[in-house]
Amino acid sequence: MSDIPANVKYIETHQWVRVEADGTATVGITDFAQEQLGDVVYIGLPDVGVTVNGGEEAGVAESVKSASDVFSPVTGEVLEVNEDLEDEPEKVNEDPYGEGWMFKVKLADPGELESLLDADAYADLVTEQGSL
């Protein structure tokens, strides 16, 4: 069964966003997504300083099985990327909600979070896709 933390929001393409105490938003792929990908061998991340748009492609995750676009759940300026993933992309498999985070953004519109899926709605989505 996939791990679905309650303290983050989700989008249908299996990315998550968590708002930190300082107001920044941390983004990554879900446990379900990393399970579907298999062993991740490369992560392509956006550049610091660029603006990513909610629901649009912001990077790529490549595994031994396939490549998958990574979409940003929210709109904002990229403040930081997880440079550890350059040498250790497997962190996405090992700890997708912790050390496997991908990038952090300054939210353009915090209200955008209200339209995202909560843990229960995301669990329903994953169940519909036959993996819970």
Protein backbone atom coordinates (compact mmCIF):
# COMPACT_ATOMS: atom_id res chain seq x y z
CA MET A 1 0.00 0.00 0.00
CA SER A 2 1.26 3.45 -0.87
CA ASP A 3 2.18 5.91 1.86
CA ILE A 4 -0.16 8.95 1.72
CA PRO A 5 0.73 11.54 4.37
CA ALA A 6 -2.10 13.80 5.53
CA ASN A 7 0.08 16.92 5.87
CA VAL A 8 0.56 17.44 2.13
CA LYS A 9 -1.65 18.20 -0.88
CA TYR A 10 -1.65 16.20 -4.11
CA ILE A 11 -2.37 16.49 -7.81
CA GLU A 12 -3.74 13.79 -10.12
CA THR A 13 -0.37 13.32 -11.83
CA HIS A 14 1.08 12.02 -8.52
CA GLN A 15 3.05 14.98 -7.25
CA TRP A 16 2.74 16.44 -3.75
CA VAL A 17 3.26 19.85 -2.16
CA ARG A 18 3.82 20.70 1.49
CA VAL A 19 3.80 24.26 2.83
CA GLU A 20 6.63 24.72 5.32
CA ALA A 21 6.62 26.91 8.44
CA ASP A 22 8.42 29.70 6.54
CA GLY A 23 5.72 29.73 3.83
CA THR A 24 7.77 28.05 1.11
CA ALA A 25 6.26 25.07 -0.69
CA THR A 26 8.22 21.84 -1.05
CA VAL A 27 7.38 19.62 -4.06
CA GLY A 28 8.08 15.97 -4.85
CA ILE A 29 6.56 12.85 -6.37
CA THR A 30 4.35 10.56 -4.35
CA ASP A 31 5.15 7.13 -2.98
CA PHE A 32 2.70 5.71 -5.54
CA ALA A 33 4.58 7.46 -8.37
CA GLN A 34 7.98 6.17 -7.29
CA GLU A 35 6.53 2.64 -6.97
CA GLN A 36 5.19 2.85 -10.52
CA LEU A 37 8.49 4.18 -11.88
CA GLY A 38 10.68 1.58 -10.22
CA ASP A 39 14.34 2.32 -9.54
CA VAL A 40 14.88 6.02 -10.26
CA VAL A 41 18.20 6.67 -12.02
CA TYR A 42 17.89 10.36 -12.99
CA ILE A 43 15.96 13.43 -11.84
CA GLY A 44 15.77 16.55 -14.00
CA LEU A 45 14.84 19.63 -11.97
CA PRO A 46 13.86 23.20 -12.85
CA ASP A 47 16.45 25.96 -12.53
CA VAL A 48 16.48 28.15 -9.44
CA GLY A 49 14.85 31.49 -10.23
CA VAL A 50 12.44 30.25 -12.90
CA THR A 51 8.69 30.34 -12.41
CA VAL A 52 6.89 27.01 -12.50
CA ASN A 53 3.17 26.90 -13.17
CA GLY A 54 0.66 24.76 -11.33
CA GLY A 55 -0.27 21.70 -13.40
CA GLU A 56 2.57 22.20 -15.87
CA GLU A 57 5.75 20.21 -16.45
CA ALA A 58 8.62 21.27 -14.21
CA GLY A 59 11.04 18.36 -14.47
CA VAL A 60 11.49 14.69 -15.27
CA ALA A 61 12.03 11.46 -13.37
CA GLU A 62 13.71 8.62 -15.24
CA SER A 63 13.88 5.05 -14.06
CA VAL A 64 15.20 1.80 -15.45
CA LYS A 65 11.65 1.20 -16.79
CA SER A 66 10.53 4.59 -18.11
CA ALA A 67 10.64 8.37 -17.96
CA SER A 68 7.87 10.48 -16.49
CA ASP A 69 7.27 14.22 -16.48
CA VAL A 70 7.18 15.86 -13.08
CA PHE A 71 4.45 18.49 -12.81
CA SER A 72 4.40 21.34 -10.32
CA PRO A 73 1.27 21.30 -8.15
CA VAL A 74 1.54 25.07 -7.61
CA THR A 75 2.70 28.25 -9.31
CA GLY A 76 5.72 30.09 -7.96
CA GLU A 77 9.38 30.96 -8.22
CA VAL A 78 11.82 28.11 -7.68
CA LEU A 79 13.89 28.99 -4.61
CA GLU A 80 15.88 25.79 -4.23
CA VAL A 81 16.36 22.38 -5.85
CA ASN A 82 17.43 19.18 -4.13
CA GLU A 83 20.97 18.94 -5.47
CA ASP A 84 21.49 15.64 -3.62
CA LEU A 85 19.29 13.97 -6.24
CA GLU A 86 21.94 14.61 -8.90
CA ASP A 87 24.22 12.00 -7.32
CA GLU A 88 21.59 10.06 -5.37
CA PRO A 89 18.34 9.91 -7.39
CA GLU A 90 17.40 6.76 -5.44
CA LYS A 91 16.42 9.04 -2.53
CA VAL A 92 13.15 9.52 -4.42
CA ASN A 93 12.49 5.78 -4.02
CA GLU A 94 13.74 5.56 -0.46
CA ASP A 95 12.06 8.64 1.05
CA PRO A 96 9.74 10.41 -1.42
CA TYR A 97 8.24 12.76 1.20
CA GLY A 98 11.53 13.47 3.02
CA GLU A 99 15.03 13.40 1.56
CA GLY A 100 13.59 12.71 -1.91
CA TRP A 101 11.90 16.13 -2.22
CA MET A 102 12.59 17.79 -5.58
CA PHE A 103 12.25 21.58 -5.39
CA LYS A 104 10.96 24.45 -3.26
CA VAL A 105 8.94 27.40 -4.50
CA LYS A 106 7.72 30.73 -3.24
CA LEU A 107 3.96 30.46 -3.73
CA ALA A 108 2.49 33.00 -6.13
CA ASP A 109 -1.02 32.38 -4.78
CA PRO A 110 -1.49 30.41 -1.54
CA GLY A 111 -5.18 30.09 -2.44
CA GLU A 112 -4.13 27.71 -5.22
CA LEU A 113 -3.64 25.03 -2.53
CA GLU A 114 -7.40 24.90 -1.91
CA SER A 115 -8.02 23.29 -5.31
CA LEU A 116 -5.57 20.42 -4.69
CA LEU A 117 -6.42 16.94 -3.44
CA ASP A 118 -6.20 16.12 0.25
CA ALA A 119 -4.92 12.73 1.44
CA ASP A 120 -8.36 11.08 1.36
CA ALA A 121 -9.14 12.28 -2.16
CA TYR A 122 -5.69 11.19 -3.34
CA ALA A 123 -6.13 7.77 -1.71
CA ASP A 124 -9.41 7.40 -3.64
CA LEU A 125 -7.59 8.29 -6.87
CA VAL A 126 -4.86 5.72 -6.24
CA THR A 127 -7.48 3.10 -5.34
CA GLU A 128 -9.32 3.78 -8.60
CA GLN A 129 -6.06 3.16 -10.43
CA GLY A 130 -5.91 -0.26 -8.78
CA SER A 131 -2.87 -0.08 -6.56
CA LEU A 132 -4.09 0.28 -2.97
